[in-house]
C-alpha atoms as a PDB file:
ATOM      1  CA  MET A   1     147.213 108.431 147.595  1.00  0.00           C
ATOM      2  CA  LYS A   2     146.706 111.942 149.026  1.00  0.00           C
ATOM      3  CA  LYS A   3     146.161 113.340 145.520  1.00  0.00           C
ATOM      4  CA  ARG A   4     143.470 110.713 144.863  1.00  0.00           C
ATOM      5  CA  ILE A   5     141.652 111.681 148.065  1.00  0.00           C
ATOM      6  CA  VAL A   6     141.873 115.381 147.211  1.00  0.00           C
ATOM      7  CA  TYR A   7     140.541 114.733 143.688  1.00  0.00           C
ATOM      8  CA  PHE A   8     137.752 112.533 145.060  1.00  0.00           C
ATOM      9  CA  VAL A   9     136.692 115.193 147.594  1.00  0.00           C
ATOM     10  CA  ALA A  10     136.785 117.865 144.867  1.00  0.00           C
ATOM     11  CA  PHE A  11     134.642 115.611 142.673  1.00  0.00           C
ATOM     12  CA  LEU A  12     132.072 115.121 145.459  1.00  0.00           C
ATOM     13  CA  ILE A  13     131.871 118.846 146.161  1.00  0.00           C
ATOM     14  CA  THR A  14     131.395 119.563 142.460  1.00  0.00           C
ATOM     15  CA  CYS A  15     128.597 116.969 142.280  1.00  0.00           C
ATOM     16  CA  LEU A  16     126.842 118.503 145.268  1.00  0.00           C
ATOM     17  CA  VAL A  17     127.082 122.028 143.892  1.00  0.00           C
ATOM     18  CA  VAL A  18     125.854 120.988 140.440  1.00  0.00           C
ATOM     19  CA  SER A  19     122.971 118.887 141.794  1.00  0.00           C
ATOM     20  CA  CYS A  20     121.837 121.654 144.157  1.00  0.00           C
ATOM     21  CA  SER A  21     122.162 124.400 141.573  1.00  0.00           C
ATOM     22  CA  GLU A  22     119.966 122.608 139.035  1.00  0.00           C
ATOM     23  CA  HIS A  23     117.053 122.893 141.521  1.00  0.00           C
ATOM     24  CA  THR A  24     117.649 126.566 142.363  1.00  0.00           C
ATOM     25  CA  ASN A  25     114.769 127.810 140.204  1.00  0.00           C
ATOM     26  CA  ASP A  26     112.497 124.784 140.597  1.00  0.00           C
ATOM     27  CA  ASP A  27     109.330 125.979 142.387  1.00  0.00           C
ATOM     28  CA  LYS A  28     108.978 122.827 144.487  1.00  0.00           C
ATOM     29  CA  TYR A  29     112.333 123.578 146.189  1.00  0.00           C
ATOM     30  CA  GLN A  30     111.545 127.251 146.935  1.00  0.00           C
ATOM     31  CA  SER A  31     110.561 128.415 150.412  1.00  0.00           C
ATOM     32  CA  ARG A  32     107.559 130.727 150.205  1.00  0.00           C
ATOM     33  CA  VAL A  33     106.028 132.934 152.869  1.00  0.00           C
ATOM     34  CA  PRO A  34     102.278 132.480 153.452  1.00  0.00           C
ATOM     35  CA  ARG A  35     100.124 135.212 151.932  1.00  0.00           C
ATOM     36  CA  PHE A  36      97.259 136.632 153.956  1.00  0.00           C
ATOM     37  CA  SER A  37      93.921 138.132 152.940  1.00  0.00           C
ATOM     38  CA  LYS A  38      92.950 139.908 156.181  1.00  0.00           C
ATOM     39  CA  ILE A  39      92.841 139.982 159.951  1.00  0.00           C
ATOM     40  CA  VAL A  40      89.310 139.409 161.200  1.00  0.00           C
ATOM     41  CA  ALA A  41      87.660 139.804 164.587  1.00  0.00           C
ATOM     42  CA  GLN A  42      85.387 137.019 165.775  1.00  0.00           C
ATOM     43  CA  GLU A  43      82.638 139.607 166.480  1.00  0.00           C
ATOM     44  CA  SER A  44      81.488 142.259 164.009  1.00  0.00           C
ATOM     45  CA  GLU A  45      81.123 144.778 166.849  1.00  0.00           C
ATOM     46  CA  ILE A  46      83.961 144.882 169.388  1.00  0.00           C
ATOM     47  CA  LYS A  47      83.079 146.080 172.887  1.00  0.00           C
ATOM     48  CA  VAL A  48      85.172 146.919 175.930  1.00  0.00           C
ATOM     49  CA  GLY A  49      85.428 144.011 178.368  1.00  0.00           C
ATOM     50  CA  GLU A  50      84.522 141.277 175.889  1.00  0.00           C
ATOM     51  CA  THR A  51      86.982 138.553 174.882  1.00  0.00           C
ATOM     52  CA  ILE A  52      87.735 138.906 171.176  1.00  0.00           C
ATOM     53  CA  VAL A  53      89.691 136.491 168.982  1.00  0.00           C
ATOM     54  CA  PHE A  54      91.565 138.014 166.046  1.00  0.00           C
ATOM     55  CA  THR A  55      92.575 135.699 163.205  1.00  0.00           C
ATOM     56  CA  ALA A  56      95.045 136.331 160.398  1.00  0.00           C
ATOM     57  CA  VAL A  57      93.467 134.527 157.442  1.00  0.00           C
ATOM     58  CA  GLN A  58      95.860 132.917 154.966  1.00  0.00           C
ATOM     59  CA  ARG A  59      94.907 132.982 151.305  1.00  0.00           C
ATOM     60  CA  GLU A  60      97.985 130.937 150.310  1.00  0.00           C
ATOM     61  CA  ALA A  61      99.863 128.541 152.575  1.00  0.00           C
ATOM     62  CA  GLY A  62     103.620 128.852 152.920  1.00  0.00           C
ATOM     63  CA  HIS A  63     105.999 126.264 151.514  1.00  0.00           C
ATOM     64  CA  LEU A  64     109.179 124.658 152.921  1.00  0.00           C
ATOM     65  CA  LEU A  65     109.085 126.576 156.199  1.00  0.00           C
ATOM     66  CA  ASP A  66     110.337 125.485 159.585  1.00  0.00           C
ATOM     67  CA  ARG A  67     110.787 127.496 162.770  1.00  0.00           C
ATOM     68  CA  THR A  68     108.006 130.042 163.084  1.00  0.00           C
ATOM     69  CA  THR A  69     107.185 132.833 165.511  1.00  0.00           C
ATOM     70  CA  TYR A  70     104.116 135.047 165.696  1.00  0.00           C
ATOM     71  CA  THR A  71     104.261 138.385 167.489  1.00  0.00           C
ATOM     72  CA  TRP A  72     101.060 140.385 167.923  1.00  0.00           C
ATOM     73  CA  THR A  73     101.202 144.083 168.838  1.00  0.00           C
ATOM     74  CA  ILE A  74      98.226 146.282 169.665  1.00  0.00           C
ATOM     75  CA  THR A  75      98.370 150.070 170.008  1.00  0.00           C
ATOM     76  CA  PRO A  76      97.370 151.877 172.053  1.00  0.00           C
ATOM     77  CA  GLN A  77      97.999 149.318 174.763  1.00  0.00           C
ATOM     78  CA  ASN A  78      94.598 149.548 176.482  1.00  0.00           C
ATOM     79  CA  VAL A  79      94.239 145.782 176.349  1.00  0.00           C
ATOM     80  CA  SER A  80      94.469 142.755 178.530  1.00  0.00           C
ATOM     81  CA  LYS A  81      95.922 140.002 176.350  1.00  0.00           C
ATOM     82  CA  SER A  82      94.730 136.494 176.999  1.00  0.00           C
ATOM     83  CA  LYS A  83      96.852 134.408 174.650  1.00  0.00           C
ATOM     84  CA  ALA A  84      98.258 134.302 171.155  1.00  0.00           C
ATOM     85  CA  SER A  85      98.547 131.139 169.109  1.00  0.00           C
ATOM     86  CA  VAL A  86     101.960 129.526 168.996  1.00  0.00           C
ATOM     87  CA  PRO A  87     103.005 127.152 166.216  1.00  0.00           C
ATOM     88  CA  ILE A  88     103.257 123.540 167.425  1.00  0.00           C
ATOM     89  CA  ASN A  89     106.852 123.137 168.633  1.00  0.00           C
ATOM     90  CA  GLY A  90     107.589 126.386 166.817  1.00  0.00           C
ATOM     91  CA  VAL A  91     107.150 124.712 163.423  1.00  0.00           C
ATOM     92  CA  TYR A  92     105.012 126.247 160.664  1.00  0.00           C
ATOM     93  CA  ASP A  93     101.811 124.236 160.517  1.00  0.00           C
ATOM     94  CA  GLY A  94      99.774 126.122 157.919  1.00  0.00           C
ATOM     95  CA  VAL A  95      97.047 127.252 160.299  1.00  0.00           C
ATOM     96  CA  ASN A  96      95.735 130.784 160.675  1.00  0.00           C
ATOM     97  CA  PRO A  97      97.451 132.561 163.624  1.00  0.00           C
ATOM     98  CA  THR A  98      95.166 133.980 166.324  1.00  0.00           C
ATOM     99  CA  ASP A  99      95.352 136.382 169.244  1.00  0.00           C
ATOM    100  CA  THR A 100      92.797 136.611 172.042  1.00  0.00           C
ATOM    101  CA  VAL A 101      92.307 140.073 173.535  1.00  0.00           C
ATOM    102  CA  VAL A 102      90.136 141.947 176.019  1.00  0.00           C
ATOM    103  CA  PHE A 103      90.029 145.730 175.441  1.00  0.00           C
ATOM    104  CA  THR A 104      89.906 147.930 178.552  1.00  0.00           C
ATOM    105  CA  ALA A 105      88.995 151.223 176.838  1.00  0.00           C
ATOM    106  CA  PRO A 106      87.052 152.287 173.746  1.00  0.00           C
ATOM    107  CA  GLY A 107      88.862 153.735 170.725  1.00  0.00           C
ATOM    108  CA  LYS A 108      90.605 152.982 167.469  1.00  0.00           C
ATOM    109  CA  TYR A 109      93.254 150.246 167.687  1.00  0.00           C
ATOM    110  CA  THR A 110      95.992 149.173 165.323  1.00  0.00           C
ATOM    111  CA  ILE A 111      96.709 145.452 165.338  1.00  0.00           C
ATOM    112  CA  VAL A 112      99.951 144.143 163.866  1.00  0.00           C
ATOM    113  CA  LEU A 113     100.960 140.531 163.310  1.00  0.00           C
ATOM    114  CA  GLN A 114     104.660 139.925 162.679  1.00  0.00           C
ATOM    115  CA  ALA A 115     105.122 136.364 161.407  1.00  0.00           C
ATOM    116  CA  ASP A 116     108.687 135.114 160.934  1.00  0.00           C
ATOM    117  CA  TYR A 117     109.559 131.825 159.215  1.00  0.00           C
ATOM    118  CA  HIS A 118     112.854 129.988 158.780  1.00  0.00           C
ATOM    119  CA  GLY A 119     113.169 128.874 155.164  1.00  0.00           C
ATOM    120  CA  MET A 120     114.064 125.218 154.613  1.00  0.00           C
ATOM    121  CA  GLY A 121     114.376 125.377 150.822  1.00  0.00           C
ATOM    122  CA  ASN A 122     115.859 127.903 148.428  1.00  0.00           C
ATOM    123  CA  VAL A 123     115.028 131.463 149.455  1.00  0.00           C
ATOM    124  CA  THR A 124     114.747 134.291 146.956  1.00  0.00           C
ATOM    125  CA  TYR A 125     115.308 137.639 148.658  1.00  0.00           C
ATOM    126  CA  PHE A 126     112.539 140.162 148.082  1.00  0.00           C
ATOM    127  CA  GLU A 127     110.347 142.865 149.592  1.00  0.00           C
ATOM    128  CA  ASP A 128     106.802 143.698 148.547  1.00  0.00           C
ATOM    129  CA  GLN A 129     103.566 145.146 149.870  1.00  0.00           C
ATOM    130  CA  GLU A 130      99.896 144.738 149.150  1.00  0.00           C
ATOM    131  CA  THR A 131      96.537 145.939 150.402  1.00  0.00           C
ATOM    132  CA  LEU A 132      94.515 143.334 152.268  1.00  0.00           C
ATOM    133  CA  GLU A 133      90.848 142.635 151.420  1.00  0.00           C
ATOM    134  CA  SER A 134      89.773 144.652 154.443  1.00  0.00           C
ATOM    135  CA  GLY A 135      91.909 147.677 153.566  1.00  0.00           C
ATOM    136  CA  GLY A 136      94.792 146.833 155.890  1.00  0.00           C
ATOM    137  CA  LYS A 137      98.387 146.468 154.756  1.00  0.00           C
ATOM    138  CA  ALA A 138     100.642 143.455 154.281  1.00  0.00           C
ATOM    139  CA  LYS A 139     104.411 143.569 153.867  1.00  0.00           C
ATOM    140  CA  TYR A 140     106.334 140.468 152.816  1.00  0.00           C
ATOM    141  CA  SER A 141     110.089 139.973 152.681  1.00  0.00           C
ATOM    142  CA  ALA A 142     112.932 137.496 152.863  1.00  0.00           C
ATOM    143  CA  ASN A 143     116.474 138.099 154.063  1.00  0.00           C
ATOM    144  CA  THR A 144     119.467 136.439 155.643  1.00  0.00           C
ATOM    145  CA  TYR A 145     120.099 136.736 159.361  1.00  0.00           C
ATOM    146  CA  THR A 146     123.741 136.353 160.261  1.00  0.00           C
ATOM    147  CA  GLY A 147     124.411 135.800 163.939  1.00  0.00           C
ATOM    148  CA  THR A 148     127.237 134.238 165.868  1.00  0.00           C
ATOM    149  CA  SER A 149     128.665 131.732 163.379  1.00  0.00           C
ATOM    150  CA  VAL A 150     125.230 131.111 161.883  1.00  0.00           C
ATOM    151  CA  SER A 151     123.530 132.368 158.748  1.00  0.00           C
ATOM    152  CA  ARG A 152     119.868 131.554 158.119  1.00  0.00           C
ATOM    153  CA  ASP A 153     117.277 132.501 155.555  1.00  0.00           C
ATOM    154  CA  TYR A 154     114.126 134.049 156.997  1.00  0.00           C
ATOM    155  CA  LEU A 155     110.817 134.996 155.446  1.00  0.00           C
ATOM    156  CA  HIS A 156     108.518 137.574 157.023  1.00  0.00           C
ATOM    157  CA  ALA A 157     104.899 138.668 156.833  1.00  0.00           C
ATOM    158  CA  THR A 158     103.757 141.828 158.613  1.00  0.00           C
ATOM    159  CA  LEU A 159     100.012 142.528 158.650  1.00  0.00           C
ATOM    160  CA  THR A 160      98.477 145.781 159.891  1.00  0.00           C
ATOM    161  CA  GLU A 161      94.744 146.370 160.467  1.00  0.00           C
ATOM    162  CA  THR A 162      92.719 148.904 162.441  1.00  0.00           C
ATOM    163  CA  PHE A 163      89.590 148.170 164.483  1.00  0.00           C
ATOM    164  CA  ASN A 164      87.131 150.317 166.401  1.00  0.00           C
ATOM    165  CA  VAL A 165      86.214 149.330 169.959  1.00  0.00           C
ATOM    166  CA  LYS A 166      83.016 150.632 171.584  1.00  0.00           C
END
């Protein structure tokens, strides 16, 4: 009886591995990071003291993504941040992330959006870069994070743009 159970369990595991592996290269089961075209400011001329909304514009939506975090960084730090968009319940929702900022001094500012996504499908590990429509830079990657007894596939998009504030 024990041998039958062992053989049955081995059979089930084999079926699972075979059925999952046949979808490994199928595009509809692949997690994909969103691709962005630019970061835009709501106003064409940015002035000290005005509330400005920056938006990272997606040109392609992501696919099979779950937990998402957006982290905006502005240097130099002569800003008073109002609020950055947060995915609903932390789940990727396909919308363009935003950050609302008030600058406290004129100058040239570098704005960076770090978007991190937990892949829910098959994840192909990669790194690549491209120039955004506006001349900024985008870096995309996927890797595995291994923490305390957990291993997860993450996809990343890092966008960098510069803006002048008067």
